[in-house]
Amino acid sequence: MPKVRRCRYRGCHAMVVMPDHYCTKHYEHEAEYLANRQRWARSRNKNYQRKYNMVIRNRNANKSSQYNFYRSRQWVGLRKNVLERDYYLCQYCKALGKVTSAKTVDHIVPIEYAPNLQAEVTNLATTCSKCHNAKTAWEQEYYGTGKDNQLKKVEKIENLKEIALLIMNY
């Protein structure tokens, strides 16, 4: 059975066999639509990808090496071990007495602040997306991590319960 989708013409609910985008009644719009898509892809592809790769992801040598670490076999193995160790449960929620499933592995002390703890299993914890977002915001304020921030000389906090209490307000 062929794959189908709805006609892109506004108000038309006819089904179209892929890869077409318009039904036979509105097929005259197909060439214009494809041309617009190609024009958009060409203009966005080079500029957008370059900006994302050079300005955001690899803005300096330190960020580039961090990004490469997250693409390494070492990280894949560490991540798998930590997820299994924590039984896919958010450790920050668990410290507060809640049970939440999680798939993200996060550094307790950020690697921007302590690069020597990058591959330490003891510095990794499983976290849910809500806690991860809150912790990232807290790290930017407390440690000074993230884009356009300056690292601060503050004490490392490694206690999960203490961090969980601090990130509750974010």
N, C-alpha and C. Protein backbone atom coordinates (compact mmCIF):
# COMPACT_ATOMS: atom_id res chain seq x y z
N MET A 1 0.85 -1.18 0.00
CA MET A 1 0.00 0.00 0.00
C MET A 1 0.89 1.24 0.00
N PRO A 2 0.66 2.17 -0.91
CA PRO A 2 1.50 3.37 -1.00
C PRO A 2 1.25 4.32 0.17
N LYS A 3 2.27 5.10 0.50
CA LYS A 3 2.12 6.12 1.54
C LYS A 3 1.34 7.30 0.97
N VAL A 4 0.46 7.84 1.80
CA VAL A 4 -0.36 8.97 1.36
C VAL A 4 -0.32 10.08 2.39
N ARG A 5 -0.71 11.27 1.95
CA ARG A 5 -0.84 12.42 2.84
C ARG A 5 -1.95 13.32 2.29
N ARG A 6 -2.35 14.29 3.10
CA ARG A 6 -3.39 15.22 2.68
C ARG A 6 -2.87 16.22 1.67
N CYS A 7 -3.72 16.66 0.80
CA CYS A 7 -3.39 17.71 -0.16
C CYS A 7 -3.06 18.98 0.63
N ARG A 8 -2.01 19.71 0.22
CA ARG A 8 -1.59 20.91 0.92
C ARG A 8 -2.47 22.12 0.60
N TYR A 9 -3.36 22.00 -0.35
CA TYR A 9 -4.22 23.14 -0.69
C TYR A 9 -5.18 23.41 0.47
N ARG A 10 -5.29 24.66 0.87
CA ARG A 10 -6.12 25.05 2.02
C ARG A 10 -7.57 24.62 1.82
N GLY A 11 -8.08 23.84 2.76
CA GLY A 11 -9.46 23.39 2.74
C GLY A 11 -9.69 22.10 1.98
N CYS A 12 -8.70 21.61 1.25
CA CYS A 12 -8.84 20.37 0.51
C CYS A 12 -8.41 19.21 1.40
N HIS A 13 -9.24 18.18 1.47
CA HIS A 13 -8.93 17.04 2.33
C HIS A 13 -8.67 15.77 1.52
N ALA A 14 -8.40 15.93 0.25
CA ALA A 14 -8.13 14.77 -0.60
C ALA A 14 -6.78 14.16 -0.23
N MET A 15 -6.67 12.84 -0.38
CA MET A 15 -5.42 12.15 -0.08
C MET A 15 -4.58 12.08 -1.35
N VAL A 16 -3.26 12.25 -1.17
CA VAL A 16 -2.31 12.31 -2.28
C VAL A 16 -1.26 11.24 -2.05
N VAL A 17 -0.90 10.52 -3.10
CA VAL A 17 0.17 9.53 -3.00
C VAL A 17 1.50 10.26 -2.96
N MET A 18 2.32 9.90 -1.97
CA MET A 18 3.63 10.54 -1.83
C MET A 18 4.51 10.15 -3.01
N PRO A 19 5.36 10.98 -3.49
CA PRO A 19 5.92 12.20 -2.92
C PRO A 19 5.17 13.47 -3.32
N ASP A 20 4.05 13.38 -4.01
CA ASP A 20 3.30 14.59 -4.39
C ASP A 20 2.76 15.29 -3.15
N HIS A 21 2.48 16.60 -3.30
CA HIS A 21 1.96 17.40 -2.20
C HIS A 21 0.55 17.88 -2.47
N TYR A 22 0.11 17.85 -3.73
CA TYR A 22 -1.21 18.35 -4.11
C TYR A 22 -1.97 17.28 -4.89
N CYS A 23 -3.30 17.29 -4.74
CA CYS A 23 -4.15 16.34 -5.46
C CYS A 23 -4.23 16.75 -6.93
N THR A 24 -4.89 15.92 -7.74
CA THR A 24 -4.99 16.21 -9.17
C THR A 24 -5.76 17.50 -9.43
N LYS A 25 -6.69 17.83 -8.58
CA LYS A 25 -7.48 19.06 -8.74
C LYS A 25 -6.63 20.32 -8.53
N HIS A 26 -5.65 20.24 -7.64
CA HIS A 26 -4.82 21.41 -7.30
C HIS A 26 -3.36 21.22 -7.70
N TYR A 27 -3.10 20.33 -8.64
CA TYR A 27 -1.72 19.97 -8.98
C TYR A 27 -0.92 21.13 -9.56
N GLU A 28 -1.59 22.16 -10.07
CA GLU A 28 -0.86 23.30 -10.66
C GLU A 28 -0.02 24.05 -9.61
N HIS A 29 -0.29 23.84 -8.33
CA HIS A 29 0.47 24.50 -7.26
C HIS A 29 1.73 23.73 -6.87
N GLU A 30 1.87 22.52 -7.36
CA GLU A 30 2.99 21.65 -6.98
C GLU A 30 4.34 22.25 -7.35
N ALA A 31 4.53 22.73 -8.56
CA ALA A 31 5.81 23.26 -9.01
C ALA A 31 6.20 24.49 -8.19
N GLU A 32 5.23 25.36 -7.94
CA GLU A 32 5.50 26.57 -7.15
C GLU A 32 5.91 26.20 -5.72
N TYR A 33 5.23 25.22 -5.15
CA TYR A 33 5.54 24.78 -3.80
C TYR A 33 6.96 24.20 -3.72
N LEU A 34 7.31 23.35 -4.66
CA LEU A 34 8.65 22.75 -4.67
C LEU A 34 9.74 23.80 -4.86
N ALA A 35 9.48 24.79 -5.72
CA ALA A 35 10.46 25.85 -5.94
C ALA A 35 10.66 26.66 -4.66
N ASN A 36 9.57 26.97 -3.97
CA ASN A 36 9.68 27.71 -2.71
C ASN A 36 10.45 26.91 -1.66
N ARG A 37 10.18 25.61 -1.58
CA ARG A 37 10.90 24.76 -0.62
C ARG A 37 12.39 24.73 -0.92
N GLN A 38 12.74 24.60 -2.20
CA GLN A 38 14.15 24.56 -2.56
C GLN A 38 14.84 25.89 -2.29
N ARG A 39 14.16 26.98 -2.59
CA ARG A 39 14.71 28.31 -2.35
C ARG A 39 14.95 28.50 -0.84
N TRP A 40 13.97 28.11 -0.03
CA TRP A 40 14.10 28.23 1.42
C TRP A 40 15.26 27.37 1.94
N ALA A 41 15.33 26.13 1.45
CA ALA A 41 16.38 25.21 1.91
C ALA A 41 17.76 25.72 1.54
N ARG A 42 17.90 26.25 0.32
CA ARG A 42 19.20 26.76 -0.11
C ARG A 42 19.63 27.96 0.72
N SER A 43 18.73 28.88 0.97
CA SER A 43 19.10 30.09 1.71
C SER A 43 19.36 29.77 3.17
N ARG A 44 18.55 28.92 3.76
CA ARG A 44 18.67 28.62 5.19
C ARG A 44 19.82 27.66 5.47
N ASN A 45 20.04 26.73 4.58
CA ASN A 45 21.00 25.68 4.84
C ASN A 45 22.39 26.22 5.15
N LYS A 46 22.96 27.02 4.25
CA LYS A 46 24.32 27.49 4.44
C LYS A 46 24.43 28.44 5.62
N ASN A 47 23.60 29.46 5.64
CA ASN A 47 23.71 30.46 6.69
C ASN A 47 23.32 29.91 8.05
N TYR A 48 22.22 29.19 8.10
CA TYR A 48 21.74 28.68 9.37
C TYR A 48 22.70 27.65 9.95
N GLN A 49 23.14 26.70 9.13
CA GLN A 49 24.05 25.67 9.61
C GLN A 49 25.38 26.27 10.03
N ARG A 50 25.87 27.23 9.26
CA ARG A 50 27.14 27.85 9.61
C ARG A 50 27.01 28.57 10.94
N LYS A 51 25.93 29.32 11.12
CA LYS A 51 25.73 30.05 12.37
C LYS A 51 25.62 29.07 13.54
N TYR A 52 24.84 28.02 13.35
CA TYR A 52 24.66 27.05 14.44
C TYR A 52 25.99 26.39 14.80
N ASN A 53 26.73 25.95 13.79
CA ASN A 53 27.98 25.24 14.06
C ASN A 53 29.08 26.14 14.59
N MET A 54 29.24 27.34 14.04
CA MET A 54 30.36 28.20 14.41
C MET A 54 30.06 29.12 15.58
N VAL A 55 28.84 29.59 15.70
CA VAL A 55 28.53 30.57 16.74
C VAL A 55 27.99 29.90 18.00
N ILE A 56 27.16 28.90 17.85
CA ILE A 56 26.52 28.30 19.00
C ILE A 56 27.27 27.08 19.49
N ARG A 57 27.43 26.09 18.63
CA ARG A 57 28.00 24.81 19.06
C ARG A 57 29.51 24.89 19.27
N ASN A 58 30.24 25.36 18.30
CA ASN A 58 31.70 25.36 18.36
C ASN A 58 32.25 26.77 18.50
N ARG A 59 31.71 27.56 19.41
CA ARG A 59 32.09 28.97 19.49
C ARG A 59 33.53 29.19 19.93
N ASN A 60 34.14 28.20 20.55
CA ASN A 60 35.56 28.28 20.89
C ASN A 60 36.11 26.86 21.01
N ALA A 61 37.41 26.76 21.24
CA ALA A 61 38.04 25.43 21.28
C ALA A 61 37.51 24.59 22.43
N ASN A 62 37.22 25.22 23.56
CA ASN A 62 36.71 24.51 24.72
C ASN A 62 35.35 23.90 24.43
N LYS A 63 34.42 24.69 23.86
CA LYS A 63 33.09 24.19 23.54
C LYS A 63 33.16 23.11 22.45
N SER A 64 34.07 23.26 21.53
CA SER A 64 34.23 22.27 20.47
C SER A 64 34.67 20.93 21.04
N SER A 65 35.60 20.95 21.98
CA SER A 65 36.05 19.69 22.59
C SER A 65 34.95 19.07 23.45
N GLN A 66 34.14 19.91 24.12
CA GLN A 66 33.01 19.39 24.89
C GLN A 66 32.01 18.70 23.96
N TYR A 67 31.71 19.36 22.85
CA TYR A 67 30.77 18.79 21.89
C TYR A 67 31.29 17.46 21.35
N ASN A 68 32.58 17.39 21.05
CA ASN A 68 33.17 16.14 20.54
C ASN A 68 33.12 15.04 21.60
N PHE A 69 33.28 15.39 22.88
CA PHE A 69 33.19 14.39 23.94
C PHE A 69 31.82 13.74 23.94
N TYR A 70 30.77 14.54 23.77
CA TYR A 70 29.41 13.99 23.79
C TYR A 70 29.11 13.11 22.56
N ARG A 71 29.97 13.14 21.58
CA ARG A 71 29.79 12.29 20.40
C ARG A 71 30.73 11.08 20.44
N SER A 72 31.46 10.89 21.53
CA SER A 72 32.46 9.82 21.60
C SER A 72 31.85 8.52 22.12
N ARG A 73 32.56 7.43 21.87
CA ARG A 73 32.15 6.12 22.39
C ARG A 73 32.23 6.10 23.91
N GLN A 74 33.21 6.81 24.45
CA GLN A 74 33.36 6.88 25.90
C GLN A 74 32.08 7.43 26.54
N TRP A 75 31.53 8.51 25.97
CA TRP A 75 30.31 9.11 26.52
C TRP A 75 29.13 8.15 26.39
N VAL A 76 29.01 7.48 25.26
CA VAL A 76 27.91 6.54 25.06
C VAL A 76 27.94 5.45 26.13
N GLY A 77 29.12 4.93 26.41
CA GLY A 77 29.26 3.90 27.44
C GLY A 77 28.95 4.44 28.83
N LEU A 78 29.50 5.62 29.15
CA LEU A 78 29.23 6.24 30.45
C LEU A 78 27.75 6.49 30.64
N ARG A 79 27.11 7.04 29.62
CA ARG A 79 25.69 7.36 29.69
C ARG A 79 24.85 6.11 29.95
N LYS A 80 25.17 5.05 29.22
CA LYS A 80 24.43 3.80 29.40
C LYS A 80 24.60 3.25 30.81
N ASN A 81 25.83 3.27 31.31
CA ASN A 81 26.09 2.78 32.67
C ASN A 81 25.34 3.59 33.72
N VAL A 82 25.32 4.90 33.57
CA VAL A 82 24.65 5.76 34.55
C VAL A 82 23.14 5.55 34.50
N LEU A 83 22.58 5.45 33.30
CA LEU A 83 21.13 5.22 33.19
C LEU A 83 20.74 3.90 33.87
N GLU A 84 21.54 2.86 33.65
CA GLU A 84 21.25 1.57 34.28
C GLU A 84 21.49 1.62 35.79
N ARG A 85 22.52 2.32 36.21
CA ARG A 85 22.80 2.45 37.65
C ARG A 85 21.64 3.15 38.37
N ASP A 86 21.08 4.19 37.73
CA ASP A 86 20.01 4.98 38.34
C ASP A 86 18.62 4.46 37.99
N TYR A 87 18.55 3.33 37.30
CA TYR A 87 17.28 2.70 36.92
C TYR A 87 16.36 3.65 36.14
N TYR A 88 16.95 4.52 35.32
CA TYR A 88 16.20 5.47 34.49
C TYR A 88 15.28 6.36 35.33
N LEU A 89 15.70 6.70 36.55
CA LEU A 89 14.91 7.57 37.43
C LEU A 89 15.69 8.86 37.69
N CYS A 90 14.96 9.98 37.69
CA CYS A 90 15.57 11.28 37.94
C CYS A 90 16.10 11.33 39.38
N GLN A 91 17.38 11.60 39.51
CA GLN A 91 18.02 11.60 40.82
C GLN A 91 17.70 12.86 41.63
N TYR A 92 17.39 13.96 40.95
CA TYR A 92 17.02 15.19 41.66
C TYR A 92 15.61 15.06 42.24
N CYS A 93 14.69 14.50 41.46
CA CYS A 93 13.34 14.24 41.97
C CYS A 93 13.40 13.22 43.10
N LYS A 94 14.23 12.20 42.93
CA LYS A 94 14.36 11.15 43.94
C LYS A 94 14.87 11.73 45.27
N ALA A 95 15.78 12.71 45.18
CA ALA A 95 16.31 13.34 46.39
C ALA A 95 15.22 14.12 47.14
N LEU A 96 14.18 14.53 46.41
CA LEU A 96 13.06 15.25 47.02
C LEU A 96 11.89 14.32 47.35
N GLY A 97 12.06 13.02 47.14
CA GLY A 97 11.03 12.05 47.49
C GLY A 97 10.01 11.78 46.40
N LYS A 98 10.31 12.19 45.15
CA LYS A 98 9.40 11.93 44.03
C LYS A 98 10.03 10.88 43.11
N VAL A 99 9.20 10.17 42.38
CA VAL A 99 9.68 9.18 41.41
C VAL A 99 9.30 9.68 40.02
N THR A 100 10.32 9.95 39.19
CA THR A 100 10.11 10.45 37.84
C THR A 100 11.03 9.70 36.90
N SER A 101 10.50 9.24 35.77
CA SER A 101 11.36 8.57 34.79
C SER A 101 12.20 9.61 34.06
N ALA A 102 13.36 9.19 33.60
CA ALA A 102 14.29 10.11 32.95
C ALA A 102 15.16 9.39 31.95
N LYS A 103 15.63 10.14 30.94
CA LYS A 103 16.53 9.59 29.93
C LYS A 103 17.78 10.42 29.72
N THR A 104 17.88 11.56 30.40
CA THR A 104 19.01 12.45 30.21
C THR A 104 20.06 12.20 31.29
N VAL A 105 21.32 12.19 30.88
CA VAL A 105 22.41 12.07 31.84
C VAL A 105 23.11 13.42 31.89
N ASP A 106 23.27 13.95 33.10
CA ASP A 106 23.79 15.30 33.30
C ASP A 106 24.99 15.27 34.23
N HIS A 107 25.91 16.20 34.02
CA HIS A 107 27.04 16.35 34.93
C HIS A 107 26.56 17.11 36.17
N ILE A 108 26.84 16.59 37.33
CA ILE A 108 26.44 17.24 38.57
C ILE A 108 27.17 18.58 38.70
N VAL A 109 28.48 18.55 38.57
CA VAL A 109 29.28 19.77 38.46
C VAL A 109 29.56 19.94 36.98
N PRO A 110 29.16 21.06 36.37
CA PRO A 110 29.30 21.20 34.91
C PRO A 110 30.74 21.09 34.44
N ILE A 111 30.92 20.53 33.25
CA ILE A 111 32.28 20.31 32.74
C ILE A 111 32.95 21.62 32.34
N GLU A 112 32.18 22.66 32.11
CA GLU A 112 32.80 23.97 31.87
C GLU A 112 33.54 24.42 33.13
N TYR A 113 32.99 24.11 34.28
CA TYR A 113 33.55 24.54 35.55
C TYR A 113 34.64 23.58 36.04
N ALA A 114 34.45 22.29 35.82
CA ALA A 114 35.42 21.28 36.27
C ALA A 114 35.67 20.28 35.16
N PRO A 115 36.50 20.63 34.16
CA PRO A 115 36.75 19.73 33.04
C PRO A 115 37.37 18.40 33.43
N ASN A 116 38.07 18.35 34.55
CA ASN A 116 38.69 17.10 34.99
C ASN A 116 37.66 16.06 35.44
N LEU A 117 36.42 16.48 35.70
CA LEU A 117 35.36 15.56 36.12
C LEU A 117 34.49 15.11 34.94
N GLN A 118 34.92 15.41 33.75
CA GLN A 118 34.13 15.14 32.55
C GLN A 118 33.74 13.67 32.42
N ALA A 119 34.66 12.75 32.67
CA ALA A 119 34.40 11.32 32.46
C ALA A 119 34.24 10.56 33.77
N GLU A 120 34.02 11.25 34.87
CA GLU A 120 33.84 10.60 36.16
C GLU A 120 32.39 10.17 36.35
N VAL A 121 32.18 8.89 36.58
CA VAL A 121 30.83 8.36 36.77
C VAL A 121 30.19 8.97 38.02
N THR A 122 30.99 9.28 39.02
CA THR A 122 30.46 9.87 40.25
C THR A 122 29.94 11.29 40.04
N ASN A 123 30.32 11.92 38.93
CA ASN A 123 29.86 13.28 38.63
C ASN A 123 28.68 13.27 37.66
N LEU A 124 28.08 12.12 37.41
CA LEU A 124 26.97 12.00 36.48
C LEU A 124 25.71 11.55 37.20
N ALA A 125 24.59 12.09 36.77
CA ALA A 125 23.29 11.71 37.34
C ALA A 125 22.24 11.72 36.26
N THR A 126 21.28 10.81 36.38
CA THR A 126 20.15 10.78 35.46
C THR A 126 19.17 11.86 35.90
N THR A 127 18.61 12.57 34.92
CA THR A 127 17.71 13.67 35.25
C THR A 127 16.56 13.75 34.24
N CYS A 128 15.41 14.18 34.72
CA CYS A 128 14.26 14.40 33.84
C CYS A 128 14.44 15.76 33.15
N SER A 129 13.66 16.02 32.12
CA SER A 129 13.83 17.26 31.37
C SER A 129 13.51 18.49 32.21
N LYS A 130 12.52 18.40 33.09
CA LYS A 130 12.17 19.54 33.93
C LYS A 130 13.33 19.91 34.86
N CYS A 131 13.90 18.92 35.53
CA CYS A 131 15.02 19.18 36.43
C CYS A 131 16.26 19.61 35.64
N HIS A 132 16.47 19.04 34.47
CA HIS A 132 17.64 19.39 33.66
C HIS A 132 17.58 20.85 33.24
N ASN A 133 16.40 21.29 32.79
CA ASN A 133 16.25 22.70 32.39
C ASN A 133 16.44 23.63 33.58
N ALA A 134 15.87 23.27 34.73
CA ALA A 134 16.02 24.09 35.93
C ALA A 134 17.47 24.13 36.38
N LYS A 135 18.15 22.98 36.33
CA LYS A 135 19.55 22.92 36.76
C LYS A 135 20.44 23.73 35.83
N THR A 136 20.16 23.69 34.53
CA THR A 136 20.94 24.47 33.57
C THR A 136 20.81 25.96 33.87
N ALA A 137 19.59 26.43 34.15
CA ALA A 137 19.38 27.83 34.49
C ALA A 137 20.11 28.19 35.79
N TRP A 138 20.05 27.29 36.77
CA TRP A 138 20.74 27.52 38.04
C TRP A 138 22.25 27.56 37.84
N GLU A 139 22.79 26.64 37.02
CA GLU A 139 24.24 26.60 36.76
C GLU A 139 24.72 27.90 36.12
N GLN A 140 23.92 28.44 35.21
CA GLN A 140 24.31 29.68 34.55
C GLN A 140 24.41 30.82 35.55
N GLU A 141 23.55 30.81 36.53
CA GLU A 141 23.59 31.87 37.55
C GLU A 141 24.67 31.60 38.59
N TYR A 142 24.76 30.38 39.08
CA TYR A 142 25.67 30.06 40.17
C TYR A 142 27.12 29.94 39.70
N TYR A 143 27.36 29.10 38.69
CA TYR A 143 28.72 28.87 38.20
C TYR A 143 29.15 29.86 37.12
N GLY A 144 28.20 30.47 36.45
CA GLY A 144 28.52 31.37 35.35
C GLY A 144 28.80 30.63 34.06
N THR A 145 28.17 29.46 33.88
CA THR A 145 28.38 28.68 32.66
C THR A 145 27.45 29.18 31.56
N GLY A 146 27.62 28.68 30.37
CA GLY A 146 26.74 29.02 29.25
C GLY A 146 27.31 30.14 28.40
N LYS A 147 26.59 30.41 27.32
CA LYS A 147 27.02 31.41 26.35
C LYS A 147 27.07 32.80 26.96
N ASP A 148 28.13 33.53 26.68
CA ASP A 148 28.33 34.92 27.11
C ASP A 148 28.44 35.09 28.62
N ASN A 149 28.66 34.03 29.36
CA ASN A 149 28.84 34.15 30.81
C ASN A 149 30.30 33.94 31.17
N GLN A 150 30.71 34.50 32.30
CA GLN A 150 32.06 34.33 32.81
C GLN A 150 31.99 33.38 34.01
N LEU A 151 32.89 32.39 34.04
CA LEU A 151 32.91 31.45 35.15
C LEU A 151 33.23 32.19 36.45
N LYS A 152 32.52 31.82 37.51
CA LYS A 152 32.71 32.45 38.82
C LYS A 152 33.55 31.53 39.70
N LYS A 153 34.24 32.12 40.64
CA LYS A 153 35.03 31.35 41.60
C LYS A 153 34.13 31.06 42.80
N VAL A 154 33.39 29.97 42.71
CA VAL A 154 32.48 29.57 43.78
C VAL A 154 32.78 28.13 44.18
N GLU A 155 32.25 27.72 45.29
CA GLU A 155 32.44 26.36 45.79
C GLU A 155 31.63 25.37 44.94
N LYS A 156 32.23 24.22 44.63
CA LYS A 156 31.51 23.17 43.90
C LYS A 156 30.45 22.58 44.82
N ILE A 157 29.27 22.35 44.27
CA ILE A 157 28.21 21.67 45.03
C ILE A 157 28.00 20.32 44.37
N GLU A 158 28.28 19.24 45.11
CA GLU A 158 28.19 17.90 44.56
C GLU A 158 27.05 17.09 45.17
N ASN A 159 26.41 17.60 46.20
CA ASN A 159 25.33 16.90 46.88
C ASN A 159 24.03 17.05 46.08
N LEU A 160 23.48 15.93 45.63
CA LEU A 160 22.27 15.95 44.80
C LEU A 160 21.08 16.58 45.51
N LYS A 161 20.91 16.28 46.78
CA LYS A 161 19.77 16.81 47.52
C LYS A 161 19.88 18.34 47.65
N GLU A 162 21.09 18.82 47.90
CA GLU A 162 21.31 20.26 48.02
C GLU A 162 21.01 20.96 46.68
N ILE A 163 21.47 20.36 45.59
CA ILE A 163 21.20 20.93 44.26
C ILE A 163 19.71 20.88 43.97
N ALA A 164 19.06 19.77 44.30
CA ALA A 164 17.62 19.63 44.06
C ALA A 164 16.85 20.72 44.79
N LEU A 165 17.24 21.03 46.00
CA LEU A 165 16.57 22.10 46.75
C LEU A 165 16.83 23.47 46.13
N LEU A 166 18.04 23.68 45.61
CA LEU A 166 18.39 24.96 44.99
C LEU A 166 17.66 25.18 43.65
N ILE A 167 17.46 24.09 42.89
CA ILE A 167 16.86 24.26 41.56
C ILE A 167 15.33 24.26 41.59
N MET A 168 14.74 24.02 42.75
CA MET A 168 13.27 23.99 42.84
C MET A 168 12.65 25.32 42.39
N ASN A 169 13.33 26.44 42.58
CA ASN A 169 12.79 27.75 42.26
C ASN A 169 12.99 28.16 40.82
N TYR A 170 13.67 27.33 40.02
CA TYR A 170 13.96 27.70 38.62
C TYR A 170 12.96 27.09 37.69
